């Protein structure tokens, strides 16, 4: 038979991470039976009010992003900043909840669980994701398409790959999350990315310098500049390509990378630098995404 302690632990942890229901208040037990009718009625009222509140707020955010032009970017940035703070609080509360359950302090654990549910109610992206999942499950595909568009407007997410061609030079990049080298509870996320540079032109080129722009979910931007790639400055004749893999640590679970290469274009196979021309080759923007779902709307931490 399952012990009381195990049942309570399961009950406390099962409610975390779902949609945004009303708080799970316990009914009053008398004579071995629990009177929950008044609780269920109260829960329904709270759930209805919260659904109206969060749906209205999300709709206003989307409308603002649609109608304010460049100011829409400020709305998106505000959503990202709010969600990043929510995720910080969520990590802290989950750790405290785990500790409370291990100590069998179920009163504190119940309070922490309710705080986690409140965070979900304050998170517009989380609510849209939850509504999208429900719409797909119910086969309400028109609703799902509308919700997906709202997510894209509030939190535009590039794919985890890019493919750009500049003057016959193609640069393809794919990124990958590495859980084994990451510590999400410490805000440490590790990514690798694979780059293929292909010379589809008719002249020989050499990669001389790189310039990366790395942006995390909080809007912080870092620039990385240096000679060549992975210690090399490869020379590529027409039809040749060069591949390499590198890494990028982030303090958030989501970010983007983009940049450019400075290359030399040789006029002949003599590799005469005096006759060579310089050009910049674009590296298209791609995402660094610790979330497995695609497309990604997790713009937080």
C-alpha atoms as a PDB file:
ATOM      1  CA  UNK A   1       0.000   0.000   0.000  1.00  0.00           C
ATOM      2  CA  UNK A   2       1.242   3.447  -0.874  1.00  0.00           C
ATOM      3  CA  UNK A   3       2.234   5.439   2.210  1.00  0.00           C
ATOM      4  CA  UNK A   4       0.778   8.797   3.165  1.00  0.00           C
ATOM      5  CA  UNK A   5       4.091  10.513   2.616  1.00  0.00           C
ATOM      6  CA  UNK A   6       4.386   9.187  -0.952  1.00  0.00           C
ATOM      7  CA  UNK A   7       0.823  10.176  -1.822  1.00  0.00           C
ATOM      8  CA  UNK A   8       1.311  13.709  -0.516  1.00  0.00           C
ATOM      9  CA  UNK A   9       4.608  14.135  -2.381  1.00  0.00           C
ATOM     10  CA  UNK A  10       2.990  12.991  -5.611  1.00  0.00           C
ATOM     11  CA  UNK A  11       0.046  15.320  -5.090  1.00  0.00           C
ATOM     12  CA  UNK A  12       2.247  18.341  -4.449  1.00  0.00           C
ATOM     13  CA  UNK A  13       4.521  17.830  -7.432  1.00  0.00           C
ATOM     14  CA  UNK A  14       1.840  16.754  -9.916  1.00  0.00           C
ATOM     15  CA  UNK A  15       0.227  20.178 -10.061  1.00  0.00           C
ATOM     16  CA  UNK A  16       3.405  22.062 -10.968  1.00  0.00           C
ATOM     17  CA  UNK A  17       4.054  22.864 -14.599  1.00  0.00           C
ATOM     18  CA  UNK A  18       0.491  22.414 -15.850  1.00  0.00           C
ATOM     19  CA  UNK A  19      -1.869  25.071 -17.122  1.00  0.00           C
ATOM     20  CA  UNK A  20      -3.080  27.887 -14.930  1.00  0.00           C
ATOM     21  CA  UNK A  21      -5.786  26.460 -12.684  1.00  0.00           C
ATOM     22  CA  UNK A  22      -7.040  27.990  -9.478  1.00  0.00           C
ATOM     23  CA  UNK A  23      -5.062  27.182  -6.347  1.00  0.00           C
ATOM     24  CA  UNK A  24      -5.547  23.643  -5.088  1.00  0.00           C
ATOM     25  CA  UNK A  25      -7.038  24.333  -1.678  1.00  0.00           C
ATOM     26  CA  UNK A  26      -7.863  21.255   0.363  1.00  0.00           C
ATOM     27  CA  UNK A  27     -11.442  20.693   1.454  1.00  0.00           C
ATOM     28  CA  UNK A  28     -12.426  20.200   5.083  1.00  0.00           C
ATOM     29  CA  UNK A  29     -12.422  16.570   6.206  1.00  0.00           C
ATOM     30  CA  UNK A  30     -15.157  15.404   8.553  1.00  0.00           C
ATOM     31  CA  UNK A  31     -15.971  11.808   9.412  1.00  0.00           C
ATOM     32  CA  UNK A  32     -13.442  10.505   6.905  1.00  0.00           C
ATOM     33  CA  UNK A  33     -15.138  12.276   3.967  1.00  0.00           C
ATOM     34  CA  UNK A  34     -13.952  15.468   2.318  1.00  0.00           C
ATOM     35  CA  UNK A  35     -16.402  18.264   1.613  1.00  0.00           C
ATOM     36  CA  UNK A  36     -15.102  19.867  -1.599  1.00  0.00           C
ATOM     37  CA  UNK A  37     -18.205  21.272  -3.282  1.00  0.00           C
ATOM     38  CA  UNK A  38     -17.564  24.842  -2.149  1.00  0.00           C
ATOM     39  CA  UNK A  39     -13.915  24.532  -3.135  1.00  0.00           C
ATOM     40  CA  UNK A  40     -14.753  23.330  -6.648  1.00  0.00           C
ATOM     41  CA  UNK A  41     -17.193  26.195  -7.135  1.00  0.00           C
ATOM     42  CA  UNK A  42     -14.584  28.693  -5.964  1.00  0.00           C
ATOM     43  CA  UNK A  43     -11.969  27.130  -8.238  1.00  0.00           C
ATOM     44  CA  UNK A  44     -14.244  27.441 -11.275  1.00  0.00           C
ATOM     45  CA  UNK A  45     -14.847  31.121 -10.604  1.00  0.00           C
ATOM     46  CA  UNK A  46     -11.139  31.835 -10.129  1.00  0.00           C
ATOM     47  CA  UNK A  47     -10.230  29.848 -13.223  1.00  0.00           C
ATOM     48  CA  UNK A  48     -12.752  31.777 -15.331  1.00  0.00           C
ATOM     49  CA  UNK A  49     -11.566  35.148 -14.037  1.00  0.00           C
ATOM     50  CA  UNK A  50      -7.887  34.305 -14.526  1.00  0.00           C
ATOM     51  CA  UNK A  51      -8.510  33.003 -18.041  1.00  0.00           C
ATOM     52  CA  UNK A  52     -10.229  36.279 -18.959  1.00  0.00           C
ATOM     53  CA  UNK A  53      -7.447  38.297 -17.323  1.00  0.00           C
ATOM     54  CA  UNK A  54      -4.512  36.542 -18.948  1.00  0.00           C
ATOM     55  CA  UNK A  55      -6.202  36.263 -22.359  1.00  0.00           C
ATOM     56  CA  UNK A  56      -6.994  39.981 -22.304  1.00  0.00           C
ATOM     57  CA  UNK A  57      -3.441  40.923 -21.359  1.00  0.00           C
ATOM     58  CA  UNK A  58      -1.936  38.682 -24.034  1.00  0.00           C
ATOM     59  CA  UNK A  59      -4.289  40.069 -26.684  1.00  0.00           C
ATOM     60  CA  UNK A  60      -3.305  43.620 -25.733  1.00  0.00           C
ATOM     61  CA  UNK A  61       0.384  42.750 -26.015  1.00  0.00           C
ATOM     62  CA  UNK A  62      -0.098  41.209 -29.461  1.00  0.00           C
ATOM     63  CA  UNK A  63      -2.212  44.152 -30.656  1.00  0.00           C
ATOM     64  CA  UNK A  64       0.437  46.581 -29.390  1.00  0.00           C
ATOM     65  CA  UNK A  65       3.185  44.693 -31.224  1.00  0.00           C
ATOM     66  CA  UNK A  66       1.119  44.760 -34.431  1.00  0.00           C
ATOM     67  CA  UNK A  67       0.188  48.450 -34.418  1.00  0.00           C
ATOM     68  CA  UNK A  68       3.230  50.258 -33.061  1.00  0.00           C
ATOM     69  CA  UNK A  69       5.749  49.544 -35.825  1.00  0.00           C
ATOM     70  CA  UNK A  70       9.304  49.722 -34.494  1.00  0.00           C
ATOM     71  CA  UNK A  71       7.903  50.244 -30.999  1.00  0.00           C
ATOM     72  CA  UNK A  72       6.591  46.688 -31.286  1.00  0.00           C
ATOM     73  CA  UNK A  73      10.168  45.592 -30.680  1.00  0.00           C
ATOM     74  CA  UNK A  74       9.962  47.294 -27.273  1.00  0.00           C
ATOM     75  CA  UNK A  75       6.856  45.244 -26.485  1.00  0.00           C
ATOM     76  CA  UNK A  76       8.646  42.031 -27.418  1.00  0.00           C
ATOM     77  CA  UNK A  77      11.654  43.073 -25.337  1.00  0.00           C
ATOM     78  CA  UNK A  78       9.378  43.748 -22.365  1.00  0.00           C
ATOM     79  CA  UNK A  79       7.871  40.276 -22.696  1.00  0.00           C
ATOM     80  CA  UNK A  80      11.341  38.720 -22.821  1.00  0.00           C
ATOM     81  CA  UNK A  81      12.503  40.632 -19.751  1.00  0.00           C
ATOM     82  CA  UNK A  82       9.359  39.714 -17.804  1.00  0.00           C
ATOM     83  CA  UNK A  83       9.695  36.073 -18.753  1.00  0.00           C
ATOM     84  CA  UNK A  84      13.363  35.944 -17.843  1.00  0.00           C
ATOM     85  CA  UNK A  85      12.528  37.232 -14.354  1.00  0.00           C
ATOM     86  CA  UNK A  86       9.668  34.730 -14.081  1.00  0.00           C
ATOM     87  CA  UNK A  87      12.016  31.881 -14.987  1.00  0.00           C
ATOM     88  CA  UNK A  88      14.498  32.982 -12.325  1.00  0.00           C
ATOM     89  CA  UNK A  89      11.719  32.876  -9.747  1.00  0.00           C
ATOM     90  CA  UNK A  90      10.477  29.537 -11.094  1.00  0.00           C
ATOM     91  CA  UNK A  91      13.895  27.909 -10.670  1.00  0.00           C
ATOM     92  CA  UNK A  92      14.148  29.220  -7.113  1.00  0.00           C
ATOM     93  CA  UNK A  93      10.643  28.087  -6.146  1.00  0.00           C
ATOM     94  CA  UNK A  94      11.147  24.610  -7.634  1.00  0.00           C
ATOM     95  CA  UNK A  95      14.327  24.168  -5.613  1.00  0.00           C
ATOM     96  CA  UNK A  96      12.545  25.315  -2.450  1.00  0.00           C
ATOM     97  CA  UNK A  97       9.594  23.031  -3.240  1.00  0.00           C
ATOM     98  CA  UNK A  98      11.873  20.021  -3.622  1.00  0.00           C
ATOM     99  CA  UNK A  99      13.547  20.829  -0.309  1.00  0.00           C
ATOM    100  CA  UNK A 100      10.192  21.288   1.459  1.00  0.00           C
ATOM    101  CA  UNK A 101       8.882  17.944   0.185  1.00  0.00           C
ATOM    102  CA  UNK A 102      12.082  16.171   1.238  1.00  0.00           C
ATOM    103  CA  UNK A 103      11.633  17.675   4.746  1.00  0.00           C
ATOM    104  CA  UNK A 104       7.957  16.600   4.612  1.00  0.00           C
ATOM    105  CA  UNK A 105       6.946  20.207   5.286  1.00  0.00           C
ATOM    106  CA  UNK A 106       3.797  19.878   3.216  1.00  0.00           C
ATOM    107  CA  UNK A 107       2.220  23.155   4.304  1.00  0.00           C
ATOM    108  CA  UNK A 108       5.168  25.119   2.947  1.00  0.00           C
ATOM    109  CA  UNK A 109       5.292  22.895  -0.143  1.00  0.00           C
ATOM    110  CA  UNK A 110       1.633  23.622  -0.898  1.00  0.00           C
ATOM    111  CA  UNK A 111       2.273  27.357  -0.653  1.00  0.00           C
ATOM    112  CA  UNK A 112       5.280  27.095  -2.963  1.00  0.00           C
ATOM    113  CA  UNK A 113       3.255  25.062  -5.452  1.00  0.00           C
ATOM    114  CA  UNK A 114       0.615  27.792  -5.543  1.00  0.00           C
ATOM    115  CA  UNK A 115       3.296  30.435  -6.111  1.00  0.00           C
ATOM    116  CA  UNK A 116       4.529  28.402  -9.096  1.00  0.00           C
ATOM    117  CA  UNK A 117       1.006  28.266 -10.505  1.00  0.00           C
ATOM    118  CA  UNK A 118       0.718  32.036 -10.110  1.00  0.00           C
ATOM    119  CA  UNK A 119       3.935  32.456 -12.121  1.00  0.00           C
ATOM    120  CA  UNK A 120       2.370  30.476 -14.960  1.00  0.00           C
ATOM    121  CA  UNK A 121      -0.603  32.856 -14.914  1.00  0.00           C
ATOM    122  CA  UNK A 122       1.749  35.857 -15.267  1.00  0.00           C
ATOM    123  CA  UNK A 123       3.663  34.364 -18.190  1.00  0.00           C
ATOM    124  CA  UNK A 124       2.034  35.372 -21.531  1.00  0.00           C
ATOM    125  CA  UNK A 125       4.231  33.096 -23.630  1.00  0.00           C
ATOM    126  CA  UNK A 126       3.560  30.108 -21.370  1.00  0.00           C
ATOM    127  CA  UNK A 127      -0.185  30.746 -21.566  1.00  0.00           C
ATOM    128  CA  UNK A 128      -0.150  30.969 -25.357  1.00  0.00           C
ATOM    129  CA  UNK A 129       1.888  27.749 -25.541  1.00  0.00           C
ATOM    130  CA  UNK A 130      -0.616  26.002 -23.249  1.00  0.00           C
ATOM    131  CA  UNK A 131      -3.562  27.236 -25.297  1.00  0.00           C
ATOM    132  CA  UNK A 132      -1.814  26.163 -28.520  1.00  0.00           C
ATOM    133  CA  UNK A 133      -1.231  22.632 -27.194  1.00  0.00           C
ATOM    134  CA  UNK A 134      -4.881  22.389 -26.146  1.00  0.00           C
ATOM    135  CA  UNK A 135      -6.102  23.632 -29.541  1.00  0.00           C
ATOM    136  CA  UNK A 136      -3.983  21.063 -31.384  1.00  0.00           C
ATOM    137  CA  UNK A 137      -5.137  18.275 -29.043  1.00  0.00           C
ATOM    138  CA  UNK A 138      -8.790  19.281 -29.674  1.00  0.00           C
ATOM    139  CA  UNK A 139      -8.121  19.523 -33.444  1.00  0.00           C
ATOM    140  CA  UNK A 140      -9.108  23.225 -33.430  1.00  0.00           C
ATOM    141  CA  UNK A 141      -6.602  23.989 -36.148  1.00  0.00           C
ATOM    142  CA  UNK A 142      -7.827  27.495 -37.011  1.00  0.00           C
ATOM    143  CA  UNK A 143      -7.441  28.487 -33.350  1.00  0.00           C
ATOM    144  CA  UNK A 144      -4.038  26.792 -33.276  1.00  0.00           C
ATOM    145  CA  UNK A 145      -2.880  28.758 -36.327  1.00  0.00           C
ATOM    146  CA  UNK A 146      -3.998  32.032 -34.728  1.00  0.00           C
ATOM    147  CA  UNK A 147      -2.218  31.194 -31.461  1.00  0.00           C
ATOM    148  CA  UNK A 148       0.929  30.227 -33.343  1.00  0.00           C
ATOM    149  CA  UNK A 149       0.891  33.598 -35.136  1.00  0.00           C
ATOM    150  CA  UNK A 150       0.496  35.395 -31.799  1.00  0.00           C
ATOM    151  CA  UNK A 151       3.496  33.516 -30.426  1.00  0.00           C
ATOM    152  CA  UNK A 152       5.554  34.445 -33.467  1.00  0.00           C
ATOM    153  CA  UNK A 153       4.680  38.126 -33.034  1.00  0.00           C
ATOM    154  CA  UNK A 154       5.416  38.242 -29.310  1.00  0.00           C
ATOM    155  CA  UNK A 155       8.476  36.038 -29.502  1.00  0.00           C
ATOM    156  CA  UNK A 156       9.894  35.672 -33.016  1.00  0.00           C
ATOM    157  CA  UNK A 157      12.210  32.689 -33.054  1.00  0.00           C
ATOM    158  CA  UNK A 158      14.728  31.992 -35.800  1.00  0.00           C
ATOM    159  CA  UNK A 159      15.466  28.366 -36.585  1.00  0.00           C
ATOM    160  CA  UNK A 160      18.485  26.610 -35.126  1.00  0.00           C
ATOM    161  CA  UNK A 161      20.117  26.741 -38.556  1.00  0.00           C
ATOM    162  CA  UNK A 162      20.875  29.292 -41.243  1.00  0.00           C
ATOM    163  CA  UNK A 163      21.920  29.210 -44.891  1.00  0.00           C
ATOM    164  CA  UNK A 164      23.242  32.366 -46.577  1.00  0.00           C
ATOM    165  CA  UNK A 165      25.022  33.015 -49.873  1.00  0.00           C
ATOM    166  CA  UNK A 166      27.180  36.112 -50.473  1.00  0.00           C
ATOM    167  CA  UNK A 167      28.871  36.533 -53.876  1.00  0.00           C
ATOM    168  CA  UNK A 168      28.954  32.792 -54.439  1.00  0.00           C
ATOM    169  CA  UNK A 169      30.137  31.869 -50.936  1.00  0.00           C
ATOM    170  CA  UNK A 170      27.616  29.786 -48.996  1.00  0.00           C
ATOM    171  CA  UNK A 171      27.687  29.635 -45.184  1.00  0.00           C
ATOM    172  CA  UNK A 172      25.497  27.013 -43.498  1.00  0.00           C
ATOM    173  CA  UNK A 173      25.263  26.755 -39.703  1.00  0.00           C
ATOM    174  CA  UNK A 174      23.446  24.344 -37.375  1.00  0.00           C
ATOM    175  CA  UNK A 175      23.403  24.647 -33.578  1.00  0.00           C
ATOM    176  CA  UNK A 176      22.935  21.995 -30.891  1.00  0.00           C
ATOM    177  CA  UNK A 177      22.251  22.110 -27.169  1.00  0.00           C
ATOM    178  CA  UNK A 178      24.612  20.010 -25.000  1.00  0.00           C
ATOM    179  CA  UNK A 179      22.794  18.999 -21.759  1.00  0.00           C
ATOM    180  CA  UNK A 180      25.804  17.093 -20.400  1.00  0.00           C
ATOM    181  CA  UNK A 181      27.850  20.306 -20.222  1.00  0.00           C
ATOM    182  CA  UNK A 182      25.006  22.526 -19.014  1.00  0.00           C
ATOM    183  CA  UNK A 183      23.726  23.388 -15.516  1.00  0.00           C
ATOM    184  CA  UNK A 184      20.315  25.048 -15.997  1.00  0.00           C
ATOM    185  CA  UNK A 185      19.792  25.550 -12.233  1.00  0.00           C
ATOM    186  CA  UNK A 186      22.941  27.699 -12.265  1.00  0.00           C
ATOM    187  CA  UNK A 187      21.982  29.555 -15.428  1.00  0.00           C
ATOM    188  CA  UNK A 188      24.649  27.801 -17.514  1.00  0.00           C
ATOM    189  CA  UNK A 189      23.706  26.536 -20.992  1.00  0.00           C
ATOM    190  CA  UNK A 190      26.242  25.092 -23.416  1.00  0.00           C
ATOM    191  CA  UNK A 191      25.790  24.963 -27.177  1.00  0.00           C
ATOM    192  CA  UNK A 192      27.847  23.741 -30.096  1.00  0.00           C
ATOM    193  CA  UNK A 193      27.460  24.854 -33.686  1.00  0.00           C
ATOM    194  CA  UNK A 194      28.634  23.328 -36.929  1.00  0.00           C
ATOM    195  CA  UNK A 195      29.663  25.580 -39.826  1.00  0.00           C
ATOM    196  CA  UNK A 196      30.155  24.697 -43.481  1.00  0.00           C
ATOM    197  CA  UNK A 197      31.736  27.291 -45.787  1.00  0.00           C
ATOM    198  CA  UNK A 198      31.364  26.391 -49.475  1.00  0.00           C
ATOM    199  CA  UNK A 199      32.960  28.157 -52.430  1.00  0.00           C
ATOM    200  CA  UNK A 200      30.274  28.100 -55.109  1.00  0.00           C
ATOM    201  CA  UNK A 201      31.952  30.891 -57.064  1.00  0.00           C
ATOM    202  CA  UNK A 202      34.610  30.805 -59.772  1.00  0.00           C
ATOM    203  CA  UNK A 203      37.535  32.277 -57.822  1.00  0.00           C
ATOM    204  CA  UNK A 204      39.718  31.018 -54.975  1.00  0.00           C
ATOM    205  CA  UNK A 205      39.037  32.550 -51.578  1.00  0.00           C
ATOM    206  CA  UNK A 206      40.602  32.532 -48.113  1.00  0.00           C
ATOM    207  CA  UNK A 207      38.867  33.023 -44.778  1.00  0.00           C
ATOM    208  CA  UNK A 208      40.877  35.673 -42.933  1.00  0.00           C
ATOM    209  CA  UNK A 209      38.791  36.898 -39.972  1.00  0.00           C
ATOM    210  CA  UNK A 210      35.542  36.156 -38.158  1.00  0.00           C
ATOM    211  CA  UNK A 211      33.088  38.421 -36.349  1.00  0.00           C
ATOM    212  CA  UNK A 212      30.270  36.937 -34.252  1.00  0.00           C
ATOM    213  CA  UNK A 213      27.383  38.749 -32.551  1.00  0.00           C
ATOM    214  CA  UNK A 214      25.851  36.697 -29.746  1.00  0.00           C
ATOM    215  CA  UNK A 215      22.614  37.819 -28.068  1.00  0.00           C
ATOM    216  CA  UNK A 216      20.982  36.122 -25.092  1.00  0.00           C
ATOM    217  CA  UNK A 217      17.319  36.174 -24.001  1.00  0.00           C
ATOM    218  CA  UNK A 218      17.920  39.218 -21.798  1.00  0.00           C
ATOM    219  CA  UNK A 219      19.099  41.270 -24.760  1.00  0.00           C
ATOM    220  CA  UNK A 220      22.743  41.246 -23.724  1.00  0.00           C
ATOM    221  CA  UNK A 221      25.042  41.243 -26.756  1.00  0.00           C
ATOM    222  CA  UNK A 222      28.630  40.010 -26.931  1.00  0.00           C
ATOM    223  CA  UNK A 223      30.913  40.348 -29.942  1.00  0.00           C
ATOM    224  CA  UNK A 224      33.696  37.913 -30.747  1.00  0.00           C
ATOM    225  CA  UNK A 225      36.351  38.857 -33.296  1.00  0.00           C
ATOM    226  CA  UNK A 226      39.505  37.045 -34.308  1.00  0.00           C
ATOM    227  CA  UNK A 227      41.661  35.710 -37.119  1.00  0.00           C
ATOM    228  CA  UNK A 228      40.422  32.726 -39.088  1.00  0.00           C
ATOM    229  CA  UNK A 229      38.295  29.899 -37.685  1.00  0.00           C
ATOM    230  CA  UNK A 230      39.386  27.269 -35.119  1.00  0.00           C
ATOM    231  CA  UNK A 231      43.001  28.321 -35.564  1.00  0.00           C
ATOM    232  CA  UNK A 232      42.973  28.089 -39.359  1.00  0.00           C
ATOM    233  CA  UNK A 233      42.604  30.424 -42.318  1.00  0.00           C
ATOM    234  CA  UNK A 234      41.415  27.942 -44.932  1.00  0.00           C
ATOM    235  CA  UNK A 235      41.884  28.504 -48.658  1.00  0.00           C
ATOM    236  CA  UNK A 236      39.011  27.242 -50.814  1.00  0.00           C
ATOM    237  CA  UNK A 237      39.172  26.786 -54.557  1.00  0.00           C
ATOM    238  CA  UNK A 238      35.939  26.750 -56.582  1.00  0.00           C
ATOM    239  CA  UNK A 239      33.832  23.758 -55.556  1.00  0.00           C
ATOM    240  CA  UNK A 240      35.653  23.171 -52.248  1.00  0.00           C
ATOM    241  CA  UNK A 241      34.246  23.525 -48.754  1.00  0.00           C
ATOM    242  CA  UNK A 242      35.506  23.714 -45.183  1.00  0.00           C
ATOM    243  CA  UNK A 243      33.658  22.459 -42.093  1.00  0.00           C
ATOM    244  CA  UNK A 244      34.341  23.066 -38.435  1.00  0.00           C
ATOM    245  CA  UNK A 245      32.611  22.840 -35.069  1.00  0.00           C
ATOM    246  CA  UNK A 246      32.853  25.336 -32.236  1.00  0.00           C
ATOM    247  CA  UNK A 247      31.005  26.112 -28.999  1.00  0.00           C
ATOM    248  CA  UNK A 248      29.173  28.919 -27.245  1.00  0.00           C
ATOM    249  CA  UNK A 249      28.171  29.099 -23.550  1.00  0.00           C
ATOM    250  CA  UNK A 250      25.137  31.197 -22.570  1.00  0.00           C
ATOM    251  CA  UNK A 251      23.566  32.303 -19.289  1.00  0.00           C
ATOM    252  CA  UNK A 252      20.079  31.873 -20.750  1.00  0.00           C
ATOM    253  CA  UNK A 253      18.344  28.880 -22.347  1.00  0.00           C
ATOM    254  CA  UNK A 254      17.737  30.817 -25.537  1.00  0.00           C
ATOM    255  CA  UNK A 255      19.789  33.155 -27.688  1.00  0.00           C
ATOM    256  CA  UNK A 256      20.889  33.926 -31.218  1.00  0.00           C
ATOM    257  CA  UNK A 257      24.120  34.144 -33.176  1.00  0.00           C
ATOM    258  CA  UNK A 258      24.934  35.905 -36.432  1.00  0.00           C
ATOM    259  CA  UNK A 259      27.961  37.532 -37.957  1.00  0.00           C
ATOM    260  CA  UNK A 260      30.304  37.721 -40.916  1.00  0.00           C
ATOM    261  CA  UNK A 261      33.604  36.491 -42.284  1.00  0.00           C
ATOM    262  CA  UNK A 262      36.234  38.706 -43.847  1.00  0.00           C
ATOM    263  CA  UNK A 263      37.613  36.908 -46.879  1.00  0.00           C
ATOM    264  CA  UNK A 264      40.227  37.467 -49.562  1.00  0.00           C
ATOM    265  CA  UNK A 265      39.339  36.776 -53.183  1.00  0.00           C
ATOM    266  CA  UNK A 266      42.339  35.826 -55.335  1.00  0.00           C
ATOM    267  CA  UNK A 267      42.340  36.772 -58.990  1.00  0.00           C
ATOM    268  CA  UNK A 268      44.501  33.747 -59.869  1.00  0.00           C
ATOM    269  CA  UNK A 269      46.112  30.677 -58.298  1.00  0.00           C
ATOM    270  CA  UNK A 270      49.284  32.632 -57.569  1.00  0.00           C
ATOM    271  CA  UNK A 271      47.697  33.780 -54.271  1.00  0.00           C
ATOM    272  CA  UNK A 272      49.176  37.226 -54.738  1.00  0.00           C
ATOM    273  CA  UNK A 273      47.850  39.343 -51.840  1.00  0.00           C
ATOM    274  CA  UNK A 274      48.621  42.562 -53.714  1.00  0.00           C
ATOM    275  CA  UNK A 275      46.137  41.604 -56.413  1.00  0.00           C
ATOM    276  CA  UNK A 276      43.561  40.078 -54.075  1.00  0.00           C
ATOM    277  CA  UNK A 277      40.295  41.758 -53.102  1.00  0.00           C
ATOM    278  CA  UNK A 278      38.617  41.720 -49.713  1.00  0.00           C
ATOM    279  CA  UNK A 279      34.944  41.021 -49.135  1.00  0.00           C
ATOM    280  CA  UNK A 280      32.572  40.345 -46.261  1.00  0.00           C
ATOM    281  CA  UNK A 281      30.451  37.197 -46.226  1.00  0.00           C
ATOM    282  CA  UNK A 282      27.309  37.137 -44.111  1.00  0.00           C
ATOM    283  CA  UNK A 283      26.563  34.504 -41.478  1.00  0.00           C
ATOM    284  CA  UNK A 284      22.768  34.346 -41.163  1.00  0.00           C
ATOM    285  CA  UNK A 285      21.074  34.534 -37.777  1.00  0.00           C
ATOM    286  CA  UNK A 286      20.289  31.224 -36.061  1.00  0.00           C
ATOM    287  CA  UNK A 287      19.037  30.299 -32.612  1.00  0.00           C
ATOM    288  CA  UNK A 288      20.713  28.671 -29.637  1.00  0.00           C
ATOM    289  CA  UNK A 289      17.816  26.799 -28.109  1.00  0.00           C
ATOM    290  CA  UNK A 290      17.822  24.533 -25.063  1.00  0.00           C
ATOM    291  CA  UNK A 291      14.157  23.657 -25.637  1.00  0.00           C
ATOM    292  CA  UNK A 292      13.514  20.515 -27.655  1.00  0.00           C
ATOM    293  CA  UNK A 293      10.167  21.615 -29.113  1.00  0.00           C
ATOM    294  CA  UNK A 294      10.167  23.149 -32.593  1.00  0.00           C
ATOM    295  CA  UNK A 295       9.352  25.898 -33.286  1.00  0.00           C
ATOM    296  CA  UNK A 296      10.781  27.404 -30.129  1.00  0.00           C
ATOM    297  CA  UNK A 297       8.928  30.126 -28.233  1.00  0.00           C
ATOM    298  CA  UNK A 298      10.946  29.841 -25.023  1.00  0.00           C
ATOM    299  CA  UNK A 299      12.477  33.290 -24.954  1.00  0.00           C
ATOM    300  CA  UNK A 300      13.408  33.097 -21.337  1.00  0.00           C
ATOM    301  CA  UNK A 301      16.489  32.472 -19.314  1.00  0.00           C
END
